[in-house]
Amino acid sequence: MIVGGALVLLVTGFTLRLSYTILTNLINGRKFHHKLEQEFSRLRLSNMLAALGISKKDYIYQNSVKDINQQMQNCSDCSNTDECDEKLADSKIDITDIEFCNNEADLKELKRQQAHALAE
């Protein structure tokens, strides 16, 4: 009886601790993604995604943080800002018209993935 009671307490403690850890990770993940989204919104890359019809929220949640940070850095380091601003002045940009963009290959791949997902 004592061993059974101790086992029940151990399992209950483990379950509570596991639930707490999962909840904490979910909260921290949401905070992290919200912060990343705020940083991302300051860049032309955010406007480029919108003009190409790529969901910013899907982009942030479906791509690795490493890739997003690299693309954000590429955008920050860009020397083609005048051409980018000119293209972004149009509300819709064709994916074939972004050869000036440092993230051209990644954006084309994202657009291809999006088209493939919609086709399914």
PDB file of N, CA and C in Angstrom:
ATOM      1  N   MET A   1       0.832  -1.183   0.000  1.00  0.00           N
ATOM      2  CA  MET A   1       0.000   0.000   0.000  1.00  0.00           C
ATOM      3  C   MET A   1       0.882   1.255   0.000  1.00  0.00           C
ATOM      4  N   ILE A   2       1.943   1.240   0.802  1.00  0.00           N
ATOM      5  CA  ILE A   2       2.838   2.384   0.874  1.00  0.00           C
ATOM      6  C   ILE A   2       3.562   2.558  -0.463  1.00  0.00           C
ATOM      7  N   VAL A   3       4.023   1.470  -1.023  1.00  0.00           N
ATOM      8  CA  VAL A   3       4.722   1.520  -2.313  1.00  0.00           C
ATOM      9  C   VAL A   3       3.766   2.030  -3.397  1.00  0.00           C
ATOM     10  N   GLY A   4       2.528   1.568  -3.395  1.00  0.00           N
ATOM     11  CA  GLY A   4       1.518   2.001  -4.370  1.00  0.00           C
ATOM     12  C   GLY A   4       1.242   3.489  -4.236  1.00  0.00           C
ATOM     13  N   GLY A   5       1.125   3.973  -2.999  1.00  0.00           N
ATOM     14  CA  GLY A   5       0.891   5.397  -2.752  1.00  0.00           C
ATOM     15  C   GLY A   5       2.069   6.248  -3.214  1.00  0.00           C
ATOM     16  N   ALA A   6       3.281   5.757  -2.954  1.00  0.00           N
ATOM     17  CA  ALA A   6       4.478   6.485  -3.387  1.00  0.00           C
ATOM     18  C   ALA A   6       4.544   6.529  -4.912  1.00  0.00           C
ATOM     19  N   LEU A   7       4.179   5.430  -5.532  1.00  0.00           N
ATOM     20  CA  LEU A   7       4.187   5.379  -6.997  1.00  0.00           C
ATOM     21  C   LEU A   7       3.169   6.363  -7.579  1.00  0.00           C
ATOM     22  N   VAL A   8       1.998   6.423  -6.993  1.00  0.00           N
ATOM     23  CA  VAL A   8       0.964   7.366  -7.450  1.00  0.00           C
ATOM     24  C   VAL A   8       1.465   8.802  -7.288  1.00  0.00           C
ATOM     25  N   LEU A   9       2.124   9.099  -6.173  1.00  0.00           N
ATOM     26  CA  LEU A   9       2.666  10.447  -5.954  1.00  0.00           C
ATOM     27  C   LEU A   9       3.750  10.781  -6.977  1.00  0.00           C
ATOM     28  N   LEU A  10       4.621   9.838  -7.271  1.00  0.00           N
ATOM     29  CA  LEU A  10       5.673  10.055  -8.257  1.00  0.00           C
ATOM     30  C   LEU A  10       5.094  10.303  -9.649  1.00  0.00           C
ATOM     31  N   VAL A  11       4.137   9.503 -10.042  1.00  0.00           N
ATOM     32  CA  VAL A  11       3.513   9.669 -11.357  1.00  0.00           C
ATOM     33  C   VAL A  11       2.773  11.003 -11.427  1.00  0.00           C
ATOM     34  N   THR A  12       2.063  11.359 -10.370  1.00  0.00           N
ATOM     35  CA  THR A  12       1.353  12.638 -10.324  1.00  0.00           C
ATOM     36  C   THR A  12       2.336  13.800 -10.396  1.00  0.00           C
ATOM     37  N   GLY A  13       3.411  13.719  -9.649  1.00  0.00           N
ATOM     38  CA  GLY A  13       4.434  14.775  -9.682  1.00  0.00           C
ATOM     39  C   GLY A  13       5.061  14.903 -11.058  1.00  0.00           C
ATOM     40  N   PHE A  14       5.364  13.769 -11.672  1.00  0.00           N
ATOM     41  CA  PHE A  14       5.944  13.776 -13.007  1.00  0.00           C
ATOM     42  C   PHE A  14       4.981  14.403 -14.009  1.00  0.00           C
ATOM     43  N   THR A  15       3.714  14.037 -13.940  1.00  0.00           N
ATOM     44  CA  THR A  15       2.701  14.566 -14.862  1.00  0.00           C
ATOM     45  C   THR A  15       2.542  16.071 -14.694  1.00  0.00           C
ATOM     46  N   LEU A  16       2.509  16.543 -13.456  1.00  0.00           N
ATOM     47  CA  LEU A  16       2.381  17.984 -13.208  1.00  0.00           C
ATOM     48  C   LEU A  16       3.601  18.742 -13.713  1.00  0.00           C
ATOM     49  N   ARG A  17       4.773  18.215 -13.458  1.00  0.00           N
ATOM     50  CA  ARG A  17       6.013  18.868 -13.908  1.00  0.00           C
ATOM     51  C   ARG A  17       6.093  18.893 -15.438  1.00  0.00           C
ATOM     52  N   LEU A  18       5.710  17.807 -16.075  1.00  0.00           N
ATOM     53  CA  LEU A  18       5.710  17.737 -17.531  1.00  0.00           C
ATOM     54  C   LEU A  18       4.718  18.750 -18.116  1.00  0.00           C
ATOM     55  N   SER A  19       3.536  18.831 -17.543  1.00  0.00           N
ATOM     56  CA  SER A  19       2.530  19.796 -18.004  1.00  0.00           C
ATOM     57  C   SER A  19       3.040  21.224 -17.845  1.00  0.00           C
ATOM     58  N   TYR A  20       3.661  21.526 -16.726  1.00  0.00           N
ATOM     59  CA  TYR A  20       4.219  22.854 -16.478  1.00  0.00           C
ATOM     60  C   TYR A  20       5.313  23.196 -17.499  1.00  0.00           C
ATOM     61  N   THR A  21       6.184  22.243 -17.774  1.00  0.00           N
ATOM     62  CA  THR A  21       7.279  22.464 -18.725  1.00  0.00           C
ATOM     63  C   THR A  21       6.740  22.712 -20.132  1.00  0.00           C
ATOM     64  N   ILE A  22       5.762  21.928 -20.537  1.00  0.00           N
ATOM     65  CA  ILE A  22       5.168  22.111 -21.867  1.00  0.00           C
ATOM     66  C   ILE A  22       4.488  23.464 -21.967  1.00  0.00           C
ATOM     67  N   LEU A  23       3.732  23.846 -20.974  1.00  0.00           N
ATOM     68  CA  LEU A  23       3.048  25.143 -20.974  1.00  0.00           C
ATOM     69  C   LEU A  23       4.050  26.296 -21.004  1.00  0.00           C
ATOM     70  N   THR A  24       5.107  26.205 -20.234  1.00  0.00           N
ATOM     71  CA  THR A  24       6.146  27.237 -20.211  1.00  0.00           C
ATOM     72  C   THR A  24       6.818  27.359 -21.574  1.00  0.00           C
ATOM     73  N   ASN A  25       7.110  26.229 -22.206  1.00  0.00           N
ATOM     74  CA  ASN A  25       7.723  26.255 -23.536  1.00  0.00           C
ATOM     75  C   ASN A  25       6.792  26.878 -24.571  1.00  0.00           C
ATOM     76  N   LEU A  26       5.509  26.576 -24.491  1.00  0.00           N
ATOM     77  CA  LEU A  26       4.547  27.177 -25.413  1.00  0.00           C
ATOM     78  C   LEU A  26       4.484  28.695 -25.241  1.00  0.00           C
ATOM     79  N   ILE A  27       4.450  29.153 -24.024  1.00  0.00           N
ATOM     80  CA  ILE A  27       4.400  30.592 -23.744  1.00  0.00           C
ATOM     81  C   ILE A  27       5.675  31.264 -24.231  1.00  0.00           C
ATOM     82  N   ASN A  28       6.824  30.690 -23.932  1.00  0.00           N
ATOM     83  CA  ASN A  28       8.095  31.267 -24.381  1.00  0.00           C
ATOM     84  C   ASN A  28       8.204  31.267 -25.903  1.00  0.00           C
ATOM     85  N   GLY A  29       7.713  30.225 -26.553  1.00  0.00           N
ATOM     86  CA  GLY A  29       7.723  30.160 -28.011  1.00  0.00           C
ATOM     87  C   GLY A  29       6.865  31.252 -28.626  1.00  0.00           C
ATOM     88  N   ARG A  30       5.709  31.488 -28.049  1.00  0.00           N
ATOM     89  CA  ARG A  30       4.833  32.562 -28.563  1.00  0.00           C
ATOM     90  C   ARG A  30       5.474  33.925 -28.371  1.00  0.00           C
ATOM     91  N   LYS A  31       6.097  34.143 -27.229  1.00  0.00           N
ATOM     92  CA  LYS A  31       6.784  35.417 -26.987  1.00  0.00           C
ATOM     93  C   LYS A  31       7.914  35.612 -27.987  1.00  0.00           C
ATOM     94  N   PHE A  32       8.682  34.556 -28.216  1.00  0.00           N
ATOM     95  CA  PHE A  32       9.797  34.618 -29.151  1.00  0.00           C
ATOM     96  C   PHE A  32       9.308  34.945 -30.559  1.00  0.00           C
ATOM     97  N   HIS A  33       8.278  34.241 -31.029  1.00  0.00           N
ATOM     98  CA  HIS A  33       7.763  34.479 -32.370  1.00  0.00           C
ATOM     99  C   HIS A  33       7.150  35.878 -32.491  1.00  0.00           C
ATOM    100  N   HIS A  34       6.512  36.358 -31.435  1.00  0.00           N
ATOM    101  CA  HIS A  34       5.961  37.713 -31.461  1.00  0.00           C
ATOM    102  C   HIS A  34       7.088  38.739 -31.593  1.00  0.00           C
ATOM    103  N   LYS A  35       8.162  38.555 -30.851  1.00  0.00           N
ATOM    104  CA  LYS A  35       9.312  39.467 -30.935  1.00  0.00           C
ATOM    105  C   LYS A  35       9.928  39.409 -32.325  1.00  0.00           C
ATOM    106  N   LEU A  36      10.078  38.216 -32.866  1.00  0.00           N
ATOM    107  CA  LEU A  36      10.635  38.043 -34.208  1.00  0.00           C
ATOM    108  C   LEU A  36       9.741  38.734 -35.242  1.00  0.00           C
ATOM    109  N   GLU A  37       8.441  38.605 -35.079  1.00  0.00           N
ATOM    110  CA  GLU A  37       7.499  39.244 -36.007  1.00  0.00           C
ATOM    111  C   GLU A  37       7.618  40.768 -35.941  1.00  0.00           C
ATOM    112  N   GLN A  38       7.817  41.320 -34.763  1.00  0.00           N
ATOM    113  CA  GLN A  38       7.989  42.768 -34.631  1.00  0.00           C
ATOM    114  C   GLN A  38       9.272  43.229 -35.317  1.00  0.00           C
ATOM    115  N   GLU A  39      10.369  42.515 -35.119  1.00  0.00           N
ATOM    116  CA  GLU A  39      11.629  42.854 -35.781  1.00  0.00           C
ATOM    117  C   GLU A  39      11.484  42.727 -37.294  1.00  0.00           C
ATOM    118  N   PHE A  40      10.818  41.692 -37.714  1.00  0.00           N
ATOM    119  CA  PHE A  40      10.630  41.405 -39.122  1.00  0.00           C
ATOM    120  C   PHE A  40       9.805  42.494 -39.803  1.00  0.00           C
ATOM    121  N   SER A  41       8.818  43.022 -39.108  1.00  0.00           N
ATOM    122  CA  SER A  41       7.922  44.028 -39.677  1.00  0.00           C
ATOM    123  C   SER A  41       8.633  45.331 -40.010  1.00  0.00           C
ATOM    124  N   ARG A  42       9.784  45.568 -39.447  1.00  0.00           N
ATOM    125  CA  ARG A  42      10.529  46.799 -39.704  1.00  0.00           C
ATOM    126  C   ARG A  42      11.295  46.756 -41.024  1.00  0.00           C
ATOM    127  N   LEU A  43      11.388  45.599 -41.630  1.00  0.00           N
ATOM    128  CA  LEU A  43      12.189  45.433 -42.845  1.00  0.00           C
ATOM    129  C   LEU A  43      11.323  45.424 -44.104  1.00  0.00           C
ATOM    130  N   ARG A  44      11.947  45.730 -45.229  1.00  0.00           N
ATOM    131  CA  ARG A  44      11.273  45.664 -46.528  1.00  0.00           C
ATOM    132  C   ARG A  44      10.843  44.229 -46.838  1.00  0.00           C
ATOM    133  N   LEU A  45      11.533  43.255 -46.259  1.00  0.00           N
ATOM    134  CA  LEU A  45      11.209  41.857 -46.499  1.00  0.00           C
ATOM    135  C   LEU A  45       9.756  41.562 -46.132  1.00  0.00           C
ATOM    136  N   SER A  46       9.280  42.163 -45.082  1.00  0.00           N
ATOM    137  CA  SER A  46       7.888  41.989 -44.672  1.00  0.00           C
ATOM    138  C   SER A  46       6.943  42.488 -45.760  1.00  0.00           C
ATOM    139  N   ASN A  47       7.242  43.658 -46.308  1.00  0.00           N
ATOM    140  CA  ASN A  47       6.417  44.212 -47.385  1.00  0.00           C
ATOM    141  C   ASN A  47       6.536  43.375 -48.657  1.00  0.00           C
ATOM    142  N   MET A  48       7.712  42.834 -48.896  1.00  0.00           N
ATOM    143  CA  MET A  48       7.929  42.005 -50.076  1.00  0.00           C
ATOM    144  C   MET A  48       7.074  40.744 -49.988  1.00  0.00           C
ATOM    145  N   LEU A  49       7.021  40.119 -48.812  1.00  0.00           N
ATOM    146  CA  LEU A  49       6.186  38.931 -48.647  1.00  0.00           C
ATOM    147  C   LEU A  49       4.725  39.260 -48.929  1.00  0.00           C
ATOM    148  N   ALA A  50       4.265  40.384 -48.395  1.00  0.00           N
ATOM    149  CA  ALA A  50       2.875  40.789 -48.609  1.00  0.00           C
ATOM    150  C   ALA A  50       2.607  41.023 -50.094  1.00  0.00           C
ATOM    151  N   ALA A  51       3.526  41.700 -50.776  1.00  0.00           N
ATOM    152  CA  ALA A  51       3.353  41.996 -52.200  1.00  0.00           C
ATOM    153  C   ALA A  51       3.359  40.719 -53.040  1.00  0.00           C
ATOM    154  N   LEU A  52       4.087  39.716 -52.591  1.00  0.00           N
ATOM    155  CA  LEU A  52       4.144  38.435 -53.312  1.00  0.00           C
ATOM    156  C   LEU A  52       2.995  37.509 -52.927  1.00  0.00           C
ATOM    157  N   GLY A  53       2.217  37.910 -51.921  1.00  0.00           N
ATOM    158  CA  GLY A  53       1.090  37.092 -51.486  1.00  0.00           C
ATOM    159  C   GLY A  53       1.475  35.959 -50.560  1.00  0.00           C
ATOM    160  N   ILE A  54       2.601  36.103 -49.877  1.00  0.00           N
ATOM    161  CA  ILE A  54       3.067  35.088 -48.926  1.00  0.00           C
ATOM    162  C   ILE A  54       2.679  35.544 -47.523  1.00  0.00           C
ATOM    163  N   SER A  55       2.004  34.700 -46.785  1.00  0.00           N
ATOM    164  CA  SER A  55       1.562  35.031 -45.438  1.00  0.00           C
ATOM    165  C   SER A  55       2.758  35.211 -44.504  1.00  0.00           C
ATOM    166  N   LYS A  56       2.824  36.377 -43.873  1.00  0.00           N
ATOM    167  CA  LYS A  56       3.927  36.654 -42.950  1.00  0.00           C
ATOM    168  C   LYS A  56       3.881  35.714 -41.748  1.00  0.00           C
ATOM    169  N   LYS A  57       2.695  35.475 -41.246  1.00  0.00           N
ATOM    170  CA  LYS A  57       2.561  34.601 -40.080  1.00  0.00           C
ATOM    171  C   LYS A  57       2.993  33.172 -40.426  1.00  0.00           C
ATOM    172  N   ASP A  58       2.555  32.671 -41.584  1.00  0.00           N
ATOM    173  CA  ASP A  58       2.984  31.340 -42.010  1.00  0.00           C
ATOM    174  C   ASP A  58       4.496  31.301 -42.201  1.00  0.00           C
ATOM    175  N   TYR A  59       5.028  32.349 -42.798  1.00  0.00           N
ATOM    176  CA  TYR A  59       6.473  32.442 -43.032  1.00  0.00           C
ATOM    177  C   TYR A  59       7.238  32.330 -41.717  1.00  0.00           C
ATOM    178  N   ILE A  60       6.809  33.071 -40.722  1.00  0.00           N
ATOM    179  CA  ILE A  60       7.517  33.091 -39.443  1.00  0.00           C
ATOM    180  C   ILE A  60       7.389  31.762 -38.702  1.00  0.00           C
ATOM    181  N   TYR A  61       6.227  31.142 -38.762  1.00  0.00           N
ATOM    182  CA  TYR A  61       6.019  29.911 -38.008  1.00  0.00           C
ATOM    183  C   TYR A  61       6.488  28.658 -38.733  1.00  0.00           C
ATOM    184  N   GLN A  62       6.669  28.719 -40.052  1.00  0.00           N
ATOM    185  CA  GLN A  62       7.017  27.516 -40.800  1.00  0.00           C
ATOM    186  C   GLN A  62       8.485  27.450 -41.208  1.00  0.00           C
ATOM    187  N   ASN A  63       9.218  28.537 -41.064  1.00  0.00           N
ATOM    188  CA  ASN A  63      10.632  28.544 -41.435  1.00  0.00           C
ATOM    189  C   ASN A  63      11.500  28.536 -40.186  1.00  0.00           C
ATOM    190  N   SER A  64      12.698  28.043 -40.340  1.00  0.00           N
ATOM    191  CA  SER A  64      13.598  27.994 -39.187  1.00  0.00           C
ATOM    192  C   SER A  64      14.054  29.406 -38.828  1.00  0.00           C
ATOM    193  N   VAL A  65      14.313  29.609 -37.576  1.00  0.00           N
ATOM    194  CA  VAL A  65      14.764  30.908 -37.087  1.00  0.00           C
ATOM    195  C   VAL A  65      16.086  31.280 -37.744  1.00  0.00           C
ATOM    196  N   LYS A  66      16.930  30.300 -37.958  1.00  0.00           N
ATOM    197  CA  LYS A  66      18.216  30.550 -38.614  1.00  0.00           C
ATOM    198  C   LYS A  66      18.002  31.113 -40.018  1.00  0.00           C
ATOM    199  N   ASP A  67      17.097  30.497 -40.781  1.00  0.00           N
ATOM    200  CA  ASP A  67      16.809  30.980 -42.135  1.00  0.00           C
ATOM    201  C   ASP A  67      16.195  32.375 -42.113  1.00  0.00           C
ATOM    202  N   ILE A  68      15.274  32.602 -41.203  1.00  0.00           N
ATOM    203  CA  ILE A  68      14.628  33.915 -41.105  1.00  0.00           C
ATOM    204  C   ILE A  68      15.654  34.974 -40.753  1.00  0.00           C
ATOM    205  N   ASN A  69      16.514  34.687 -39.773  1.00  0.00           N
ATOM    206  CA  ASN A  69      17.546  35.662 -39.395  1.00  0.00           C
ATOM    207  C   ASN A  69      18.492  35.946 -40.555  1.00  0.00           C
ATOM    208  N   GLN A  70      18.848  34.920 -41.328  1.00  0.00           N
ATOM    209  CA  GLN A  70      19.720  35.112 -42.483  1.00  0.00           C
ATOM    210  C   GLN A  70      19.030  35.992 -43.532  1.00  0.00           C
ATOM    211  N   GLN A  71      17.759  35.733 -43.788  1.00  0.00           N
ATOM    212  CA  GLN A  71      17.027  36.530 -44.762  1.00  0.00           C
ATOM    213  C   GLN A  71      16.831  37.965 -44.278  1.00  0.00           C
ATOM    214  N   MET A  72      16.617  38.143 -42.996  1.00  0.00           N
ATOM    215  CA  MET A  72      16.507  39.493 -42.438  1.00  0.00           C
ATOM    216  C   MET A  72      17.842  40.228 -42.585  1.00  0.00           C
ATOM    217  N   GLN A  73      18.944  39.526 -42.351  1.00  0.00           N
ATOM    218  CA  GLN A  73      20.265  40.129 -42.499  1.00  0.00           C
ATOM    219  C   GLN A  73      20.522  40.489 -43.965  1.00  0.00           C
ATOM    220  N   ASN A  74      20.147  39.594 -44.873  1.00  0.00           N
ATOM    221  CA  ASN A  74      20.280  39.874 -46.309  1.00  0.00           C
ATOM    222  C   ASN A  74      19.514  41.136 -46.683  1.00  0.00           C
ATOM    223  N   CYS A  75      18.337  41.270 -46.133  1.00  0.00           N
ATOM    224  CA  CYS A  75      17.511  42.445 -46.422  1.00  0.00           C
ATOM    225  C   CYS A  75      18.152  43.700 -45.840  1.00  0.00           C
ATOM    226  N   SER A  76      18.668  43.618 -44.633  1.00  0.00           N
ATOM    227  CA  SER A  76      19.313  44.777 -43.997  1.00  0.00           C
ATOM    228  C   SER A  76      20.563  45.206 -44.744  1.00  0.00           C
ATOM    229  N   ASP A  77      21.290  44.247 -45.307  1.00  0.00           N
ATOM    230  CA  ASP A  77      22.542  44.534 -46.014  1.00  0.00           C
ATOM    231  C   ASP A  77      22.333  44.935 -47.474  1.00  0.00           C
ATOM    232  N   CYS A  78      21.113  44.965 -47.928  1.00  0.00           N
ATOM    233  CA  CYS A  78      20.805  45.185 -49.341  1.00  0.00           C
ATOM    234  C   CYS A  78      21.231  46.575 -49.810  1.00  0.00           C
ATOM    235  N   SER A  79      21.785  46.613 -51.004  1.00  0.00           N
ATOM    236  CA  SER A  79      22.169  47.889 -51.607  1.00  0.00           C
ATOM    237  C   SER A  79      21.201  48.288 -52.723  1.00  0.00           C
ATOM    238  N   ASN A  80      20.150  47.507 -52.905  1.00  0.00           N
ATOM    239  CA  ASN A  80      19.165  47.776 -53.955  1.00  0.00           C
ATOM    240  C   ASN A  80      17.867  48.352 -53.394  1.00  0.00           C
ATOM    241  N   THR A  81      17.973  49.171 -52.378  1.00  0.00           N
ATOM    242  CA  THR A  81      16.770  49.663 -51.704  1.00  0.00           C
ATOM    243  C   THR A  81      15.902  50.542 -52.601  1.00  0.00           C
ATOM    244  N   ASP A  82      16.514  51.323 -53.485  1.00  0.00           N
ATOM    245  CA  ASP A  82      15.716  52.177 -54.368  1.00  0.00           C
ATOM    246  C   ASP A  82      14.849  51.338 -55.297  1.00  0.00           C
ATOM    247  N   GLU A  83      15.447  50.319 -55.904  1.00  0.00           N
ATOM    248  CA  GLU A  83      14.686  49.445 -56.794  1.00  0.00           C
ATOM    249  C   GLU A  83      13.627  48.668 -56.016  1.00  0.00           C
ATOM    250  N   CYS A  84      13.979  48.249 -54.825  1.00  0.00           N
ATOM    251  CA  CYS A  84      13.030  47.524 -53.973  1.00  0.00           C
ATOM    252  C   CYS A  84      11.837  48.417 -53.642  1.00  0.00           C
ATOM    253  N   ASP A  85      12.101  49.637 -53.219  1.00  0.00           N
ATOM    254  CA  ASP A  85      11.021  50.568 -52.887  1.00  0.00           C
ATOM    255  C   ASP A  85      10.133  50.843 -54.094  1.00  0.00           C
ATOM    256  N   GLU A  86      10.761  50.949 -55.270  1.00  0.00           N
ATOM    257  CA  GLU A  86      10.005  51.181 -56.497  1.00  0.00           C
ATOM    258  C   GLU A  86       9.061  50.013 -56.780  1.00  0.00           C
ATOM    259  N   LYS A  87       9.569  48.793 -56.644  1.00  0.00           N
ATOM    260  CA  LYS A  87       8.736  47.608 -56.871  1.00  0.00           C
ATOM    261  C   LYS A  87       7.651  47.490 -55.797  1.00  0.00           C
ATOM    262  N   LEU A  88       8.019  47.813 -54.553  1.00  0.00           N
ATOM    263  CA  LEU A  88       7.053  47.694 -53.458  1.00  0.00           C
ATOM    264  C   LEU A  88       5.963  48.757 -53.527  1.00  0.00           C
ATOM    265  N   ALA A  89       6.175  49.793 -54.322  1.00  0.00           N
ATOM    266  CA  ALA A  89       5.145  50.816 -54.494  1.00  0.00           C
ATOM    267  C   ALA A  89       3.906  50.210 -55.154  1.00  0.00           C
ATOM    268  N   ASP A  90       4.111  49.176 -55.983  1.00  0.00           N
ATOM    269  CA  ASP A  90       2.985  48.422 -56.535  1.00  0.00           C
ATOM    270  C   ASP A  90       2.503  47.479 -55.445  1.00  0.00           C
ATOM    271  N   SER A  91       1.211  47.268 -55.381  1.00  0.00           N
ATOM    272  CA  SER A  91       0.698  46.402 -54.321  1.00  0.00           C
ATOM    273  C   SER A  91       0.955  44.921 -54.604  1.00  0.00           C
ATOM    274  N   LYS A  92       1.164  44.584 -55.863  1.00  0.00           N
ATOM    275  CA  LYS A  92       1.385  43.191 -56.236  1.00  0.00           C
ATOM    276  C   LYS A  92       2.625  43.110 -57.112  1.00  0.00           C
ATOM    277  N   ILE A  93       3.536  42.216 -56.762  1.00  0.00           N
ATOM    278  CA  ILE A  93       4.776  42.037 -57.509  1.00  0.00           C
ATOM    279  C   ILE A  93       4.790  40.632 -58.068  1.00  0.00           C
ATOM    280  N   ASP A  94       5.208  40.502 -59.300  1.00  0.00           N
ATOM    281  CA  ASP A  94       5.360  39.174 -59.880  1.00  0.00           C
ATOM    282  C   ASP A  94       6.684  38.587 -59.384  1.00  0.00           C
ATOM    283  N   ILE A  95       6.660  37.334 -59.050  1.00  0.00           N
ATOM    284  CA  ILE A  95       7.841  36.661 -58.494  1.00  0.00           C
ATOM    285  C   ILE A  95       9.021  36.690 -59.460  1.00  0.00           C
ATOM    286  N   THR A  96       8.761  36.833 -60.743  1.00  0.00           N
ATOM    287  CA  THR A  96       9.851  36.870 -61.727  1.00  0.00           C
ATOM    288  C   THR A  96      10.525  38.239 -61.795  1.00  0.00           C
ATOM    289  N   ASP A  97       9.955  39.230 -61.108  1.00  0.00           N
ATOM    290  CA  ASP A  97      10.484  40.603 -61.164  1.00  0.00           C
ATOM    291  C   ASP A  97      11.305  40.994 -59.936  1.00  0.00           C
ATOM    292  N   ILE A  98      11.866  40.022 -59.235  1.00  0.00           N
ATOM    293  CA  ILE A  98      12.610  40.357 -58.016  1.00  0.00           C
ATOM    294  C   ILE A  98      14.076  39.961 -58.107  1.00  0.00           C
ATOM    295  N   GLU A  99      14.624  39.991 -59.311  1.00  0.00           N
ATOM    296  CA  GLU A  99      16.021  39.590 -59.489  1.00  0.00           C
ATOM    297  C   GLU A  99      16.997  40.473 -58.726  1.00  0.00           C
ATOM    298  N   PHE A 100      16.582  41.653 -58.326  1.00  0.00           N
ATOM    299  CA  PHE A 100      17.420  42.582 -57.567  1.00  0.00           C
ATOM    300  C   PHE A 100      17.522  42.213 -56.088  1.00  0.00           C
ATOM    301  N   CYS A 101      16.633  41.353 -55.621  1.00  0.00           N
ATOM    302  CA  CYS A 101      16.499  41.055 -54.188  1.00  0.00           C
ATOM    303  C   CYS A 101      17.552  40.046 -53.722  1.00  0.00           C
ATOM    304  N   ASN A 102      18.155  40.333 -52.586  1.00  0.00           N
ATOM    305  CA  ASN A 102      19.142  39.415 -51.996  1.00  0.00           C
ATOM    306  C   ASN A 102      18.507  38.090 -51.573  1.00  0.00           C
ATOM    307  N   ASN A 103      17.198  38.086 -51.381  1.00  0.00           N
ATOM    308  CA  ASN A 103      16.483  36.884 -50.950  1.00  0.00           C
ATOM    309  C   ASN A 103      15.688  36.248 -52.089  1.00  0.00           C
ATOM    310  N   GLU A 104      16.061  36.548 -53.311  1.00  0.00           N
ATOM    311  CA  GLU A 104      15.297  36.079 -54.471  1.00  0.00           C
ATOM    312  C   GLU A 104      15.086  34.561 -54.454  1.00  0.00           C
ATOM    313  N   ALA A 105      16.134  33.798 -54.294  1.00  0.00           N
ATOM    314  CA  ALA A 105      16.025  32.333 -54.332  1.00  0.00           C
ATOM    315  C   ALA A 105      15.110  31.813 -53.225  1.00  0.00           C
ATOM    316  N   ASP A 106      15.261  32.351 -52.018  1.00  0.00           N
ATOM    317  CA  ASP A 106      14.428  31.906 -50.898  1.00  0.00           C
ATOM    318  C   ASP A 106      12.964  32.282 -51.117  1.00  0.00           C
ATOM    319  N   LEU A 107      12.724  33.482 -51.629  1.00  0.00           N
ATOM    320  CA  LEU A 107      11.353  33.924 -51.863  1.00  0.00           C
ATOM    321  C   LEU A 107      10.689  33.097 -52.965  1.00  0.00           C
ATOM    322  N   LYS A 108      11.436  32.782 -54.001  1.00  0.00           N
ATOM    323  CA  LYS A 108      10.884  31.940 -55.068  1.00  0.00           C
ATOM    324  C   LYS A 108      10.542  30.553 -54.531  1.00  0.00           C
ATOM    325  N   GLU A 109      11.392  30.024 -53.673  1.00  0.00           N
ATOM    326  CA  GLU A 109      11.121  28.710 -53.073  1.00  0.00           C
ATOM    327  C   GLU A 109       9.886  28.770 -52.169  1.00  0.00           C
ATOM    328  N   LEU A 110       9.756  29.820 -51.386  1.00  0.00           N
ATOM    329  CA  LEU A 110       8.576  29.982 -50.532  1.00  0.00           C
ATOM    330  C   LEU A 110       7.305  30.063 -51.370  1.00  0.00           C
ATOM    331  N   LYS A 111       7.365  30.824 -52.449  1.00  0.00           N
ATOM    332  CA  LYS A 111       6.210  30.963 -53.331  1.00  0.00           C
ATOM    333  C   LYS A 111       5.870  29.625 -53.980  1.00  0.00           C
ATOM    334  N   ARG A 112       6.890  28.862 -54.368  1.00  0.00           N
ATOM    335  CA  ARG A 112       6.669  27.546 -54.959  1.00  0.00           C
ATOM    336  C   ARG A 112       6.014  26.601 -53.945  1.00  0.00           C
ATOM    337  N   GLN A 113       6.513  26.632 -52.713  1.00  0.00           N
ATOM    338  CA  GLN A 113       5.940  25.787 -51.656  1.00  0.00           C
ATOM    339  C   GLN A 113       4.488  26.161 -51.384  1.00  0.00           C
ATOM    340  N   GLN A 114       4.214  27.453 -51.385  1.00  0.00           N
ATOM    341  CA  GLN A 114       2.864  27.927 -51.140  1.00  0.00           C
ATOM    342  C   GLN A 114       1.926  27.463 -52.257  1.00  0.00           C
ATOM    343  N   ALA A 115       2.365  27.585 -53.492  1.00  0.00           N
ATOM    344  CA  ALA A 115       1.561  27.144 -54.630  1.00  0.00           C
ATOM    345  C   ALA A 115       1.322  25.635 -54.570  1.00  0.00           C
ATOM    346  N   HIS A 116       2.344  24.887 -54.183  1.00  0.00           N
ATOM    347  CA  HIS A 116       2.221  23.431 -54.069  1.00  0.00           C
ATOM    348  C   HIS A 116       1.229  23.058 -52.958  1.00  0.00           C
ATOM    349  N   ALA A 117       1.295  23.774 -51.835  1.00  0.00           N
ATOM    350  CA  ALA A 117       0.379  23.498 -50.714  1.00  0.00           C
ATOM    351  C   ALA A 117      -1.064  23.814 -51.096  1.00  0.00           C
ATOM    352  N   LEU A 118      -1.274  24.872 -51.861  1.00  0.00           N
ATOM    353  CA  LEU A 118      -2.628  25.229 -52.278  1.00  0.00           C
ATOM    354  C   LEU A 118      -3.189  24.238 -53.292  1.00  0.00           C
ATOM    355  N   ALA A 119      -2.299  23.650 -54.079  1.00  0.00           N
ATOM    356  CA  ALA A 119      -2.719  22.695 -55.108  1.00  0.00           C
ATOM    357  C   ALA A 119      -3.181  21.378 -54.500  1.00  0.00           C
ATOM    358  N   GLU A 120      -2.727  21.076 -53.319  1.00  0.00           N
ATOM    359  CA  GLU A 120      -3.072  19.792 -52.673  1.00  0.00           C
ATOM    360  C   GLU A 120      -4.436  19.795 -52.120  1.00  0.00           C
TER     361      GLU A 120
END
